[in-house]
Every structure is written in C-alpha cells, then in structure tokens.
PDB file of all heavy atoms in Angstrom:
ATOM      1  N   ARG A   1     -21.614 -50.041 -53.811  1.00  0.00           N
ATOM      2  CA  ARG A   1     -22.611 -48.992 -53.547  1.00  0.00           C
ATOM      3  C   ARG A   1     -22.290 -47.781 -54.411  1.00  0.00           C
ATOM      4  O   ARG A   1     -21.168 -47.263 -54.366  1.00  0.00           O
ATOM      5  CB  ARG A   1     -22.567 -48.580 -52.076  1.00  0.00           C
ATOM      6  CG  ARG A   1     -22.998 -49.649 -51.098  1.00  0.00           C
ATOM      7  CD  ARG A   1     -22.700 -49.205 -49.669  1.00  0.00           C
ATOM      8  NE  ARG A   1     -23.281 -47.895 -49.373  1.00  0.00           N
ATOM      9  CZ  ARG A   1     -22.909 -47.114 -48.363  1.00  0.00           C
ATOM     10  NH1 ARG A   1     -21.935 -47.513 -47.561  1.00  0.00           N
ATOM     11  NH2 ARG A   1     -23.484 -45.956 -48.162  1.00  0.00           N
ATOM     12  N   ILE A   2     -23.257 -47.353 -55.201  1.00  0.00           N
ATOM     13  CA  ILE A   2     -23.119 -46.129 -55.994  1.00  0.00           C
ATOM     14  C   ILE A   2     -24.053 -45.100 -55.369  1.00  0.00           C
ATOM     15  O   ILE A   2     -25.279 -45.198 -55.468  1.00  0.00           O
ATOM     16  CB  ILE A   2     -23.488 -46.371 -57.464  1.00  0.00           C
ATOM     17  CG1 ILE A   2     -22.628 -47.495 -58.049  1.00  0.00           C
ATOM     18  CG2 ILE A   2     -23.330 -45.080 -58.279  1.00  0.00           C
ATOM     19  CD1 ILE A   2     -23.028 -47.905 -59.461  1.00  0.00           C
ATOM     20  N   GLY A   3     -23.462 -44.113 -54.677  1.00  0.00           N
ATOM     21  CA  GLY A   3     -24.264 -43.108 -53.985  1.00  0.00           C
ATOM     22  C   GLY A   3     -24.654 -41.981 -54.919  1.00  0.00           C
ATOM     23  O   GLY A   3     -23.812 -41.411 -55.613  1.00  0.00           O
ATOM     24  N   VAL A   4     -25.942 -41.636 -54.931  1.00  0.00           N
ATOM     25  CA  VAL A   4     -26.456 -40.601 -55.831  1.00  0.00           C
ATOM     26  C   VAL A   4     -27.210 -39.553 -55.019  1.00  0.00           C
ATOM     27  O   VAL A   4     -28.111 -39.881 -54.233  1.00  0.00           O
ATOM     28  CB  VAL A   4     -27.411 -41.208 -56.887  1.00  0.00           C
ATOM     29  CG1 VAL A   4     -27.951 -40.113 -57.803  1.00  0.00           C
ATOM     30  CG2 VAL A   4     -26.689 -42.277 -57.700  1.00  0.00           C
ATOM     31  N   GLU A   5     -26.828 -38.290 -55.185  1.00  0.00           N
ATOM     32  CA  GLU A   5     -27.560 -37.174 -54.602  1.00  0.00           C
ATOM     33  C   GLU A   5     -28.522 -36.648 -55.656  1.00  0.00           C
ATOM     34  O   GLU A   5     -28.105 -36.245 -56.744  1.00  0.00           O
ATOM     35  CB  GLU A   5     -26.610 -36.065 -54.153  1.00  0.00           C
ATOM     36  CG  GLU A   5     -27.339 -34.889 -53.532  1.00  0.00           C
ATOM     37  CD  GLU A   5     -26.407 -33.747 -53.181  1.00  0.00           C
ATOM     38  OE1 GLU A   5     -25.216 -33.798 -53.573  1.00  0.00           O
ATOM     39  OE2 GLU A   5     -26.872 -32.783 -52.528  1.00  0.00           O
ATOM     40  N   SER A   6     -29.813 -36.666 -55.342  1.00  0.00           N
ATOM     41  CA  SER A   6     -30.822 -36.289 -56.326  1.00  0.00           C
ATOM     42  C   SER A   6     -31.775 -35.264 -55.717  1.00  0.00           C
ATOM     43  O   SER A   6     -31.550 -34.758 -54.608  1.00  0.00           O
ATOM     44  CB  SER A   6     -31.579 -37.548 -56.781  1.00  0.00           C
ATOM     45  OG  SER A   6     -32.472 -37.245 -57.826  1.00  0.00           O
ATOM     46  N   ARG A   7     -32.831 -34.957 -56.440  1.00  0.00           N
ATOM     47  CA  ARG A   7     -33.846 -34.017 -55.972  1.00  0.00           C
ATOM     48  C   ARG A   7     -35.225 -34.622 -56.165  1.00  0.00           C
ATOM     49  O   ARG A   7     -35.487 -35.296 -57.164  1.00  0.00           O
ATOM     50  CB  ARG A   7     -33.766 -32.701 -56.765  1.00  0.00           C
ATOM     51  CG  ARG A   7     -32.487 -31.915 -56.537  1.00  0.00           C
ATOM     52  CD  ARG A   7     -32.555 -31.110 -55.251  1.00  0.00           C
ATOM     53  NE  ARG A   7     -31.279 -30.438 -54.983  1.00  0.00           N
ATOM     54  CZ  ARG A   7     -31.079 -29.673 -53.904  1.00  0.00           C
ATOM     55  NH1 ARG A   7     -32.057 -29.493 -53.028  1.00  0.00           N
ATOM     56  NH2 ARG A   7     -29.912 -29.106 -53.716  1.00  0.00           N
ATOM     57  N   SER A   8     -36.105 -34.367 -55.206  1.00  0.00           N
ATOM     58  CA  SER A   8     -37.482 -34.838 -55.332  1.00  0.00           C
ATOM     59  C   SER A   8     -38.235 -33.941 -56.305  1.00  0.00           C
ATOM     60  O   SER A   8     -37.708 -32.922 -56.785  1.00  0.00           O
ATOM     61  CB  SER A   8     -38.171 -34.813 -53.965  1.00  0.00           C
ATOM     62  OG  SER A   8     -38.381 -33.463 -53.547  1.00  0.00           O
ATOM     63  N   ASP A   9     -39.468 -34.289 -56.573  1.00  0.00           N
ATOM     64  CA  ASP A   9     -40.293 -33.469 -57.464  1.00  0.00           C
ATOM     65  C   ASP A   9     -40.496 -32.070 -56.905  1.00  0.00           C
ATOM     66  O   ASP A   9     -40.747 -31.121 -57.654  1.00  0.00           O
ATOM     67  CB  ASP A   9     -41.662 -34.141 -57.691  1.00  0.00           C
ATOM     68  CG  ASP A   9     -41.533 -35.453 -58.442  1.00  0.00           C
ATOM     69  OD1 ASP A   9     -40.529 -35.613 -59.164  1.00  0.00           O
ATOM     70  OD2 ASP A   9     -42.426 -36.315 -58.327  1.00  0.00           O
ATOM     71  N   LEU A  10     -40.384 -31.929 -55.579  1.00  0.00           N
ATOM     72  CA  LEU A  10     -40.542 -30.623 -54.944  1.00  0.00           C
ATOM     73  C   LEU A  10     -39.218 -29.889 -54.786  1.00  0.00           C
ATOM     74  O   LEU A  10     -39.171 -28.802 -54.207  1.00  0.00           O
ATOM     75  CB  LEU A  10     -41.205 -30.796 -53.570  1.00  0.00           C
ATOM     76  CG  LEU A  10     -42.613 -31.424 -53.586  1.00  0.00           C
ATOM     77  CD1 LEU A  10     -43.124 -31.604 -52.154  1.00  0.00           C
ATOM     78  CD2 LEU A  10     -43.569 -30.545 -54.393  1.00  0.00           C
ATOM     79  N   GLY A  11     -38.130 -30.503 -55.249  1.00  0.00           N
ATOM     80  CA  GLY A  11     -36.826 -29.869 -55.170  1.00  0.00           C
ATOM     81  C   GLY A  11     -36.050 -30.169 -53.918  1.00  0.00           C
ATOM     82  O   GLY A  11     -34.959 -29.618 -53.703  1.00  0.00           O
ATOM     83  N   ASP A  12     -36.575 -31.034 -53.052  1.00  0.00           N
ATOM     84  CA  ASP A  12     -35.867 -31.380 -51.824  1.00  0.00           C
ATOM     85  C   ASP A  12     -34.750 -32.383 -52.129  1.00  0.00           C
ATOM     86  O   ASP A  12     -34.909 -33.255 -52.984  1.00  0.00           O
ATOM     87  CB  ASP A  12     -36.837 -32.001 -50.812  1.00  0.00           C
ATOM     88  CG  ASP A  12     -37.928 -31.023 -50.402  1.00  0.00           C
ATOM     89  OD1 ASP A  12     -37.633 -29.815 -50.332  1.00  0.00           O
ATOM     90  OD2 ASP A  12     -39.082 -31.465 -50.178  1.00  0.00           O
ATOM     91  N   PRO A  13     -33.630 -32.298 -51.401  1.00  0.00           N
ATOM     92  CA  PRO A  13     -32.522 -33.241 -51.651  1.00  0.00           C
ATOM     93  C   PRO A  13     -32.896 -34.664 -51.222  1.00  0.00           C
ATOM     94  O   PRO A  13     -33.545 -34.867 -50.186  1.00  0.00           O
ATOM     95  CB  PRO A  13     -31.376 -32.680 -50.806  1.00  0.00           C
ATOM     96  CG  PRO A  13     -32.046 -31.861 -49.755  1.00  0.00           C
ATOM     97  CD  PRO A  13     -33.289 -31.302 -50.368  1.00  0.00           C
ATOM     98  N   GLU A  14     -32.478 -35.623 -52.012  1.00  0.00           N
ATOM     99  CA  GLU A  14     -32.695 -37.038 -51.714  1.00  0.00           C
ATOM    100  C   GLU A  14     -31.402 -37.792 -51.998  1.00  0.00           C
ATOM    101  O   GLU A  14     -30.665 -37.436 -52.926  1.00  0.00           O
ATOM    102  CB  GLU A  14     -33.827 -37.633 -52.555  1.00  0.00           C
ATOM    103  CG  GLU A  14     -35.196 -37.061 -52.253  1.00  0.00           C
ATOM    104  CD  GLU A  14     -36.289 -37.679 -53.123  1.00  0.00           C
ATOM    105  OE1 GLU A  14     -35.968 -38.108 -54.253  1.00  0.00           O
ATOM    106  OE2 GLU A  14     -37.449 -37.725 -52.681  1.00  0.00           O
ATOM    107  N   TRP A  15     -31.130 -38.827 -51.192  1.00  0.00           N
ATOM    108  CA  TRP A  15     -29.927 -39.634 -51.383  1.00  0.00           C
ATOM    109  C   TRP A  15     -30.312 -41.091 -51.597  1.00  0.00           C
ATOM    110  O   TRP A  15     -31.182 -41.619 -50.913  1.00  0.00           O
ATOM    111  CB  TRP A  15     -29.012 -39.532 -50.152  1.00  0.00           C
ATOM    112  CG  TRP A  15     -28.255 -38.233 -50.108  1.00  0.00           C
ATOM    113  CD1 TRP A  15     -28.739 -37.014 -49.754  1.00  0.00           C
ATOM    114  CD2 TRP A  15     -26.884 -38.045 -50.427  1.00  0.00           C
ATOM    115  NE1 TRP A  15     -27.753 -36.065 -49.839  1.00  0.00           N
ATOM    116  CE2 TRP A  15     -26.591 -36.677 -50.248  1.00  0.00           C
ATOM    117  CE3 TRP A  15     -25.861 -38.899 -50.833  1.00  0.00           C
ATOM    118  CZ2 TRP A  15     -25.332 -36.142 -50.456  1.00  0.00           C
ATOM    119  CZ3 TRP A  15     -24.599 -38.364 -51.049  1.00  0.00           C
ATOM    120  CH2 TRP A  15     -24.340 -37.009 -50.866  1.00  0.00           C
ATOM    121  N   TYR A  16     -29.645 -41.694 -52.557  1.00  0.00           N
ATOM    122  CA  TYR A  16     -29.913 -43.100 -52.863  1.00  0.00           C
ATOM    123  C   TYR A  16     -28.596 -43.855 -53.006  1.00  0.00           C
ATOM    124  O   TYR A  16     -27.565 -43.288 -53.369  1.00  0.00           O
ATOM    125  CB  TYR A  16     -30.686 -43.234 -54.181  1.00  0.00           C
ATOM    126  CG  TYR A  16     -32.047 -42.579 -54.164  1.00  0.00           C
ATOM    127  CD1 TYR A  16     -32.220 -41.291 -54.667  1.00  0.00           C
ATOM    128  CD2 TYR A  16     -33.158 -43.246 -53.658  1.00  0.00           C
ATOM    129  CE1 TYR A  16     -33.458 -40.682 -54.656  1.00  0.00           C
ATOM    130  CE2 TYR A  16     -34.410 -42.647 -53.653  1.00  0.00           C
ATOM    131  CZ  TYR A  16     -34.553 -41.359 -54.147  1.00  0.00           C
ATOM    132  OH  TYR A  16     -35.783 -40.769 -54.136  1.00  0.00           O
ATOM    133  N   ASP A  17     -28.677 -45.141 -52.741  1.00  0.00           N
ATOM    134  CA  ASP A  17     -27.609 -46.069 -53.098  1.00  0.00           C
ATOM    135  C   ASP A  17     -28.131 -46.987 -54.190  1.00  0.00           C
ATOM    136  O   ASP A  17     -29.213 -47.587 -54.037  1.00  0.00           O
ATOM    137  CB  ASP A  17     -27.190 -46.936 -51.900  1.00  0.00           C
ATOM    138  CG  ASP A  17     -26.029 -46.342 -51.131  1.00  0.00           C
ATOM    139  OD1 ASP A  17     -25.346 -45.471 -51.688  1.00  0.00           O
ATOM    140  OD2 ASP A  17     -25.813 -46.740 -49.975  1.00  0.00           O
ATOM    141  N   VAL A  18     -27.388 -47.102 -55.287  1.00  0.00           N
ATOM    142  CA  VAL A  18     -27.627 -48.180 -56.234  1.00  0.00           C
ATOM    143  C   VAL A  18     -26.702 -49.310 -55.778  1.00  0.00           C
ATOM    144  O   VAL A  18     -25.481 -49.210 -55.909  1.00  0.00           O
ATOM    145  CB  VAL A  18     -27.312 -47.762 -57.679  1.00  0.00           C
ATOM    146  CG1 VAL A  18     -27.542 -48.939 -58.633  1.00  0.00           C
ATOM    147  CG2 VAL A  18     -28.166 -46.570 -58.090  1.00  0.00           C
ATOM    148  N   VAL A  19     -27.284 -50.341 -55.194  1.00  0.00           N
ATOM    149  CA  VAL A  19     -26.498 -51.433 -54.632  1.00  0.00           C
ATOM    150  C   VAL A  19     -26.384 -52.547 -55.665  1.00  0.00           C
ATOM    151  O   VAL A  19     -27.401 -53.082 -56.122  1.00  0.00           O
ATOM    152  CB  VAL A  19     -27.131 -51.977 -53.342  1.00  0.00           C
ATOM    153  CG1 VAL A  19     -26.241 -53.064 -52.739  1.00  0.00           C
ATOM    154  CG2 VAL A  19     -27.338 -50.846 -52.337  1.00  0.00           C
ATOM    155  N   VAL A  20     -25.168 -52.870 -56.032  1.00  0.00           N
ATOM    156  CA  VAL A  20     -24.903 -53.917 -57.022  1.00  0.00           C
ATOM    157  C   VAL A  20     -24.374 -55.135 -56.278  1.00  0.00           C
ATOM    158  O   VAL A  20     -23.326 -55.069 -55.624  1.00  0.00           O
ATOM    159  CB  VAL A  20     -23.871 -53.449 -58.065  1.00  0.00           C
ATOM    160  CG1 VAL A  20     -23.658 -54.524 -59.133  1.00  0.00           C
ATOM    161  CG2 VAL A  20     -24.325 -52.137 -58.700  1.00  0.00           C
ATOM    162  N   GLU A  21     -25.099 -56.237 -56.357  1.00  0.00           N
ATOM    163  CA  GLU A  21     -24.703 -57.469 -55.684  1.00  0.00           C
ATOM    164  C   GLU A  21     -24.389 -58.522 -56.746  1.00  0.00           C
ATOM    165  O   GLU A  21     -25.282 -58.986 -57.457  1.00  0.00           O
ATOM    166  CB  GLU A  21     -25.829 -57.961 -54.760  1.00  0.00           C
ATOM    167  CG  GLU A  21     -26.173 -56.955 -53.674  1.00  0.00           C
ATOM    168  CD  GLU A  21     -27.346 -57.398 -52.816  1.00  0.00           C
ATOM    169  OE1 GLU A  21     -28.044 -58.373 -53.196  1.00  0.00           O
ATOM    170  OE2 GLU A  21     -27.571 -56.764 -51.771  1.00  0.00           O
ATOM    171  N   ILE A  22     -23.131 -58.864 -56.867  1.00  0.00           N
ATOM    172  CA  ILE A  22     -22.678 -59.836 -57.871  1.00  0.00           C
ATOM    173  C   ILE A  22     -22.487 -61.169 -57.162  1.00  0.00           C
ATOM    174  O   ILE A  22     -21.442 -61.448 -56.594  1.00  0.00           O
ATOM    175  CB  ILE A  22     -21.377 -59.352 -58.549  1.00  0.00           C
ATOM    176  CG1 ILE A  22     -21.612 -57.984 -59.197  1.00  0.00           C
ATOM    177  CG2 ILE A  22     -20.886 -60.361 -59.579  1.00  0.00           C
ATOM    178  CD1 ILE A  22     -20.370 -57.350 -59.780  1.00  0.00           C
ATOM    179  N   MET A  23     -23.543 -61.983 -57.189  1.00  0.00           N
ATOM    180  CA  MET A  23     -23.538 -63.214 -56.396  1.00  0.00           C
ATOM    181  C   MET A  23     -24.194 -64.363 -57.165  1.00  0.00           C
ATOM    182  O   MET A  23     -25.121 -65.009 -56.675  1.00  0.00           O
ATOM    183  CB  MET A  23     -24.282 -62.990 -55.081  1.00  0.00           C
ATOM    184  CG  MET A  23     -23.709 -61.870 -54.230  1.00  0.00           C
ATOM    185  SD  MET A  23     -24.548 -61.673 -52.629  1.00  0.00           S
ATOM    186  CE  MET A  23     -26.210 -61.339 -53.165  1.00  0.00           C
ATOM    187  N   GLY A  24     -23.731 -64.604 -58.389  1.00  0.00           N
ATOM    188  CA  GLY A  24     -24.262 -65.721 -59.157  1.00  0.00           C
ATOM    189  C   GLY A  24     -25.753 -65.599 -59.388  1.00  0.00           C
ATOM    190  O   GLY A  24     -26.261 -64.549 -59.773  1.00  0.00           O
ATOM    191  N   ARG A  25     -26.507 -66.665 -59.103  1.00  0.00           N
ATOM    192  CA  ARG A  25     -27.940 -66.648 -59.365  1.00  0.00           C
ATOM    193  C   ARG A  25     -28.688 -65.742 -58.396  1.00  0.00           C
ATOM    194  O   ARG A  25     -29.879 -65.468 -58.590  1.00  0.00           O
ATOM    195  CB  ARG A  25     -28.519 -68.062 -59.310  1.00  0.00           C
ATOM    196  CG  ARG A  25     -28.424 -68.759 -57.979  1.00  0.00           C
ATOM    197  CD  ARG A  25     -28.819 -70.219 -58.097  1.00  0.00           C
ATOM    198  NE  ARG A  25     -28.761 -70.926 -56.839  1.00  0.00           N
ATOM    199  CZ  ARG A  25     -29.778 -71.039 -55.999  1.00  0.00           C
ATOM    200  NH1 ARG A  25     -30.952 -70.488 -56.296  1.00  0.00           N
ATOM    201  NH2 ARG A  25     -29.661 -71.710 -54.871  1.00  0.00           N
ATOM    202  N   HIS A  26     -28.017 -65.275 -57.323  1.00  0.00           N
ATOM    203  CA  HIS A  26     -28.630 -64.347 -56.380  1.00  0.00           C
ATOM    204  C   HIS A  26     -28.247 -62.897 -56.692  1.00  0.00           C
ATOM    205  O   HIS A  26     -28.521 -62.003 -55.875  1.00  0.00           O
ATOM    206  CB  HIS A  26     -28.224 -64.694 -54.951  1.00  0.00           C
ATOM    207  CG  HIS A  26     -28.621 -66.075 -54.516  1.00  0.00           C
ATOM    208  ND1 HIS A  26     -29.935 -66.470 -54.403  1.00  0.00           N
ATOM    209  CD2 HIS A  26     -27.872 -67.166 -54.216  1.00  0.00           C
ATOM    210  CE1 HIS A  26     -29.988 -67.731 -54.026  1.00  0.00           C
ATOM    211  NE2 HIS A  26     -28.746 -68.182 -53.915  1.00  0.00           N
ATOM    212  N   SER A  27     -27.635 -62.633 -57.834  1.00  0.00           N
ATOM    213  CA  SER A  27     -27.208 -61.281 -58.191  1.00  0.00           C
ATOM    214  C   SER A  27     -28.423 -60.356 -58.290  1.00  0.00           C
ATOM    215  O   SER A  27     -29.523 -60.779 -58.646  1.00  0.00           O
ATOM    216  CB  SER A  27     -26.450 -61.296 -59.516  1.00  0.00           C
ATOM    217  OG  SER A  27     -25.277 -62.074 -59.412  1.00  0.00           O
ATOM    218  N   ASN A  28     -28.181 -59.075 -57.992  1.00  0.00           N
ATOM    219  CA  ASN A  28     -29.300 -58.131 -58.007  1.00  0.00           C
ATOM    220  C   ASN A  28     -28.782 -56.708 -58.152  1.00  0.00           C
ATOM    221  O   ASN A  28     -27.589 -56.436 -57.933  1.00  0.00           O
ATOM    222  CB  ASN A  28     -30.111 -58.244 -56.708  1.00  0.00           C
ATOM    223  CG  ASN A  28     -31.585 -57.946 -56.911  1.00  0.00           C
ATOM    224  OD1 ASN A  28     -31.972 -57.283 -57.869  1.00  0.00           O
ATOM    225  ND2 ASN A  28     -32.420 -58.450 -56.003  1.00  0.00           N
ATOM    226  N   ILE A  29     -29.681 -55.821 -58.558  1.00  0.00           N
ATOM    227  CA  ILE A  29     -29.423 -54.377 -58.582  1.00  0.00           C
ATOM    228  C   ILE A  29     -30.563 -53.758 -57.781  1.00  0.00           C
ATOM    229  O   ILE A  29     -31.734 -53.874 -58.169  1.00  0.00           O
ATOM    230  CB  ILE A  29     -29.397 -53.814 -60.006  1.00  0.00           C
ATOM    231  CG1 ILE A  29     -28.374 -54.569 -60.864  1.00  0.00           C
ATOM    232  CG2 ILE A  29     -29.085 -52.317 -59.989  1.00  0.00           C
ATOM    233  CD1 ILE A  29     -28.471 -54.239 -62.348  1.00  0.00           C
ATOM    234  N   ILE A  30     -30.240 -53.111 -56.670  1.00  0.00           N
ATOM    235  CA  ILE A  30     -31.262 -52.655 -55.728  1.00  0.00           C
ATOM    236  C   ILE A  30     -31.122 -51.153 -55.523  1.00  0.00           C
ATOM    237  O   ILE A  30     -30.022 -50.653 -55.256  1.00  0.00           O
ATOM    238  CB  ILE A  30     -31.120 -53.388 -54.374  1.00  0.00           C
ATOM    239  CG1 ILE A  30     -31.116 -54.912 -54.601  1.00  0.00           C
ATOM    240  CG2 ILE A  30     -32.246 -52.990 -53.424  1.00  0.00           C
ATOM    241  CD1 ILE A  30     -30.744 -55.705 -53.356  1.00  0.00           C
ATOM    242  N   LEU A  31     -32.229 -50.445 -55.638  1.00  0.00           N
ATOM    243  CA  LEU A  31     -32.248 -49.007 -55.373  1.00  0.00           C
ATOM    244  C   LEU A  31     -32.700 -48.807 -53.928  1.00  0.00           C
ATOM    245  O   LEU A  31     -33.810 -49.186 -53.555  1.00  0.00           O
ATOM    246  CB  LEU A  31     -33.195 -48.300 -56.345  1.00  0.00           C
ATOM    247  CG  LEU A  31     -33.285 -46.774 -56.208  1.00  0.00           C
ATOM    248  CD1 LEU A  31     -31.918 -46.128 -56.420  1.00  0.00           C
ATOM    249  CD2 LEU A  31     -34.304 -46.214 -57.195  1.00  0.00           C
ATOM    250  N   VAL A  32     -31.806 -48.222 -53.109  1.00  0.00           N
ATOM    251  CA  VAL A  32     -32.058 -48.054 -51.672  1.00  0.00           C
ATOM    252  C   VAL A  32     -32.093 -46.567 -51.351  1.00  0.00           C
ATOM    253  O   VAL A  32     -31.186 -45.819 -51.738  1.00  0.00           O
ATOM    254  CB  VAL A  32     -30.968 -48.757 -50.838  1.00  0.00           C
ATOM    255  CG1 VAL A  32     -31.202 -48.540 -49.346  1.00  0.00           C
ATOM    256  CG2 VAL A  32     -30.939 -50.245 -51.156  1.00  0.00           C
ATOM    257  N   ALA A  33     -33.127 -46.142 -50.634  1.00  0.00           N
ATOM    258  CA  ALA A  33     -33.227 -44.752 -50.203  1.00  0.00           C
ATOM    259  C   ALA A  33     -32.587 -44.597 -48.835  1.00  0.00           C
ATOM    260  O   ALA A  33     -32.858 -45.384 -47.918  1.00  0.00           O
ATOM    261  CB  ALA A  33     -34.694 -44.321 -50.146  1.00  0.00           C
ATOM    262  N   HIS A  34     -31.718 -43.553 -48.666  1.00  0.00           N
ATOM    263  CA  HIS A  34     -31.063 -43.317 -47.384  1.00  0.00           C
ATOM    264  C   HIS A  34     -32.081 -42.834 -46.355  1.00  0.00           C
ATOM    265  O   HIS A  34     -32.983 -42.066 -46.671  1.00  0.00           O
ATOM    266  CB  HIS A  34     -29.990 -42.240 -47.527  1.00  0.00           C
ATOM    267  CG  HIS A  34     -28.746 -42.726 -48.180  1.00  0.00           C
ATOM    268  ND1 HIS A  34     -27.634 -43.077 -47.477  1.00  0.00           N
ATOM    269  CD2 HIS A  34     -28.439 -42.927 -49.484  1.00  0.00           C
ATOM    270  CE1 HIS A  34     -26.682 -43.454 -48.323  1.00  0.00           C
ATOM    271  NE2 HIS A  34     -27.154 -43.374 -49.548  1.00  0.00           N
ATOM    272  N   GLU A  35     -31.883 -43.267 -45.130  1.00  0.00           N
ATOM    273  CA  GLU A  35     -32.698 -42.762 -44.021  1.00  0.00           C
ATOM    274  C   GLU A  35     -31.852 -42.019 -42.999  1.00  0.00           C
ATOM    275  O   GLU A  35     -32.370 -41.380 -42.105  1.00  0.00           O
ATOM    276  CB  GLU A  35     -33.417 -43.929 -43.328  1.00  0.00           C
ATOM    277  CG  GLU A  35     -34.431 -44.609 -44.246  1.00  0.00           C
ATOM    278  CD  GLU A  35     -35.171 -45.724 -43.542  1.00  0.00           C
ATOM    279  OE1 GLU A  35     -34.562 -46.367 -42.657  1.00  0.00           O
ATOM    280  OE2 GLU A  35     -36.335 -45.957 -43.874  1.00  0.00           O
ATOM    281  N   ASP A  36     -30.546 -42.111 -43.148  1.00  0.00           N
ATOM    282  CA  ASP A  36     -29.641 -41.510 -42.172  1.00  0.00           C
ATOM    283  C   ASP A  36     -28.521 -40.806 -42.926  1.00  0.00           C
ATOM    284  O   ASP A  36     -27.759 -41.441 -43.654  1.00  0.00           O
ATOM    285  CB  ASP A  36     -29.065 -42.597 -41.254  1.00  0.00           C
ATOM    286  CG  ASP A  36     -28.201 -42.019 -40.143  1.00  0.00           C
ATOM    287  OD1 ASP A  36     -27.862 -40.816 -40.210  1.00  0.00           O
ATOM    288  OD2 ASP A  36     -27.853 -42.766 -39.220  1.00  0.00           O
ATOM    289  N   ASP A  37     -28.414 -39.481 -42.747  1.00  0.00           N
ATOM    290  CA  ASP A  37     -27.388 -38.720 -43.467  1.00  0.00           C
ATOM    291  C   ASP A  37     -25.977 -39.184 -43.134  1.00  0.00           C
ATOM    292  O   ASP A  37     -25.055 -39.034 -43.926  1.00  0.00           O
ATOM    293  CB  ASP A  37     -27.497 -37.231 -43.128  1.00  0.00           C
ATOM    294  CG  ASP A  37     -28.767 -36.618 -43.709  1.00  0.00           C
ATOM    295  OD1 ASP A  37     -29.441 -37.318 -44.497  1.00  0.00           O
ATOM    296  OD2 ASP A  37     -29.071 -35.464 -43.378  1.00  0.00           O
ATOM    297  N   GLU A  38     -25.790 -39.775 -41.947  1.00  0.00           N
ATOM    298  CA  GLU A  38     -24.439 -40.126 -41.508  1.00  0.00           C
ATOM    299  C   GLU A  38     -23.829 -41.274 -42.298  1.00  0.00           C
ATOM    300  O   GLU A  38     -22.620 -41.477 -42.249  1.00  0.00           O
ATOM    301  CB  GLU A  38     -24.475 -40.491 -40.021  1.00  0.00           C
ATOM    302  CG  GLU A  38     -24.847 -39.323 -39.127  1.00  0.00           C
ATOM    303  CD  GLU A  38     -24.857 -39.727 -37.667  1.00  0.00           C
ATOM    304  OE1 GLU A  38     -24.548 -40.899 -37.391  1.00  0.00           O
ATOM    305  OE2 GLU A  38     -25.144 -38.865 -36.822  1.00  0.00           O
ATOM    306  N   ILE A  39     -24.653 -42.039 -43.012  1.00  0.00           N
ATOM    307  CA  ILE A  39     -24.100 -43.202 -43.715  1.00  0.00           C
ATOM    308  C   ILE A  39     -23.647 -42.856 -45.129  1.00  0.00           C
ATOM    309  O   ILE A  39     -23.145 -43.701 -45.839  1.00  0.00           O
ATOM    310  CB  ILE A  39     -25.121 -44.355 -43.784  1.00  0.00           C
ATOM    311  CG1 ILE A  39     -26.304 -43.976 -44.691  1.00  0.00           C
ATOM    312  CG2 ILE A  39     -25.609 -44.729 -42.413  1.00  0.00           C
ATOM    313  CD1 ILE A  39     -27.226 -45.139 -44.958  1.00  0.00           C
ATOM    314  N   ARG A  40     -23.822 -41.617 -45.554  1.00  0.00           N
ATOM    315  CA  ARG A  40     -23.444 -41.256 -46.911  1.00  0.00           C
ATOM    316  C   ARG A  40     -21.943 -41.402 -47.099  1.00  0.00           C
ATOM    317  O   ARG A  40     -21.142 -40.785 -46.411  1.00  0.00           O
ATOM    318  CB  ARG A  40     -23.850 -39.813 -47.212  1.00  0.00           C
ATOM    319  CG  ARG A  40     -25.368 -39.616 -47.156  1.00  0.00           C
ATOM    320  CD  ARG A  40     -25.739 -38.157 -47.274  1.00  0.00           C
ATOM    321  NE  ARG A  40     -27.179 -37.988 -47.079  1.00  0.00           N
ATOM    322  CZ  ARG A  40     -27.771 -36.809 -46.960  1.00  0.00           C
ATOM    323  NH1 ARG A  40     -27.051 -35.701 -46.996  1.00  0.00           N
ATOM    324  NH2 ARG A  40     -29.077 -36.744 -46.801  1.00  0.00           N
ATOM    325  N   GLY A  41     -21.553 -42.221 -48.053  1.00  0.00           N
ATOM    326  CA  GLY A  41     -20.154 -42.435 -48.359  1.00  0.00           C
ATOM    327  C   GLY A  41     -19.444 -43.339 -47.392  1.00  0.00           C
ATOM    328  O   GLY A  41     -18.275 -43.664 -47.560  1.00  0.00           O
ATOM    329  N   GLU A  42     -20.145 -43.764 -46.348  1.00  0.00           N
ATOM    330  CA  GLU A  42     -19.528 -44.621 -45.342  1.00  0.00           C
ATOM    331  C   GLU A  42     -19.155 -45.972 -45.950  1.00  0.00           C
ATOM    332  O   GLU A  42     -19.859 -46.514 -46.773  1.00  0.00           O
ATOM    333  CB  GLU A  42     -20.539 -44.817 -44.197  1.00  0.00           C
ATOM    334  CG  GLU A  42     -20.078 -45.734 -43.094  1.00  0.00           C
ATOM    335  CD  GLU A  42     -21.202 -45.935 -42.080  1.00  0.00           C
ATOM    336  OE1 GLU A  42     -21.512 -44.974 -41.355  1.00  0.00           O
ATOM    337  OE2 GLU A  42     -21.759 -47.029 -42.037  1.00  0.00           O
ATOM    338  N   GLU A  43     -18.019 -46.518 -45.489  1.00  0.00           N
ATOM    339  CA  GLU A  43     -17.637 -47.854 -45.939  1.00  0.00           C
ATOM    340  C   GLU A  43     -18.610 -48.878 -45.353  1.00  0.00           C
ATOM    341  O   GLU A  43     -19.222 -48.644 -44.317  1.00  0.00           O
ATOM    342  CB  GLU A  43     -16.210 -48.169 -45.482  1.00  0.00           C
ATOM    343  CG  GLU A  43     -15.165 -47.203 -46.005  1.00  0.00           C
ATOM    344  CD  GLU A  43     -14.978 -47.267 -47.508  1.00  0.00           C
ATOM    345  OE1 GLU A  43     -15.323 -48.301 -48.109  1.00  0.00           O
ATOM    346  OE2 GLU A  43     -14.488 -46.281 -48.082  1.00  0.00           O
ATOM    347  N   GLY A  44     -18.729 -50.014 -46.034  1.00  0.00           N
ATOM    348  CA  GLY A  44     -19.602 -51.060 -45.531  1.00  0.00           C
ATOM    349  C   GLY A  44     -20.910 -51.106 -46.291  1.00  0.00           C
ATOM    350  O   GLY A  44     -21.115 -50.369 -47.258  1.00  0.00           O
TER     351      GLY A  44
END
C-alpha cells in the first residue's frame, strides 16, 4: 500500500492508497480512495 495525501480540485484534502498486488496473472495496480481516516498508515 502506497498512501498518498492529495488535494481535490477545490483544495480539500483527499487520501488514496495505490495498492500493488503481485500475484502472477492476477497482478494489479489499484487506486483506492479512503473512506475512513483511521485506516491511514494502518497495517494490513
């Protein structure tokens, strides 16, 4: 998980995870928007 603190077009703070899944033919790069401030930086 690569956590990124960004800003919306209106200047409001936004948090995203760039989730990197290295799983052979199921590998993926997924951009996930946070919905809960408490999970920022959390393990898991």
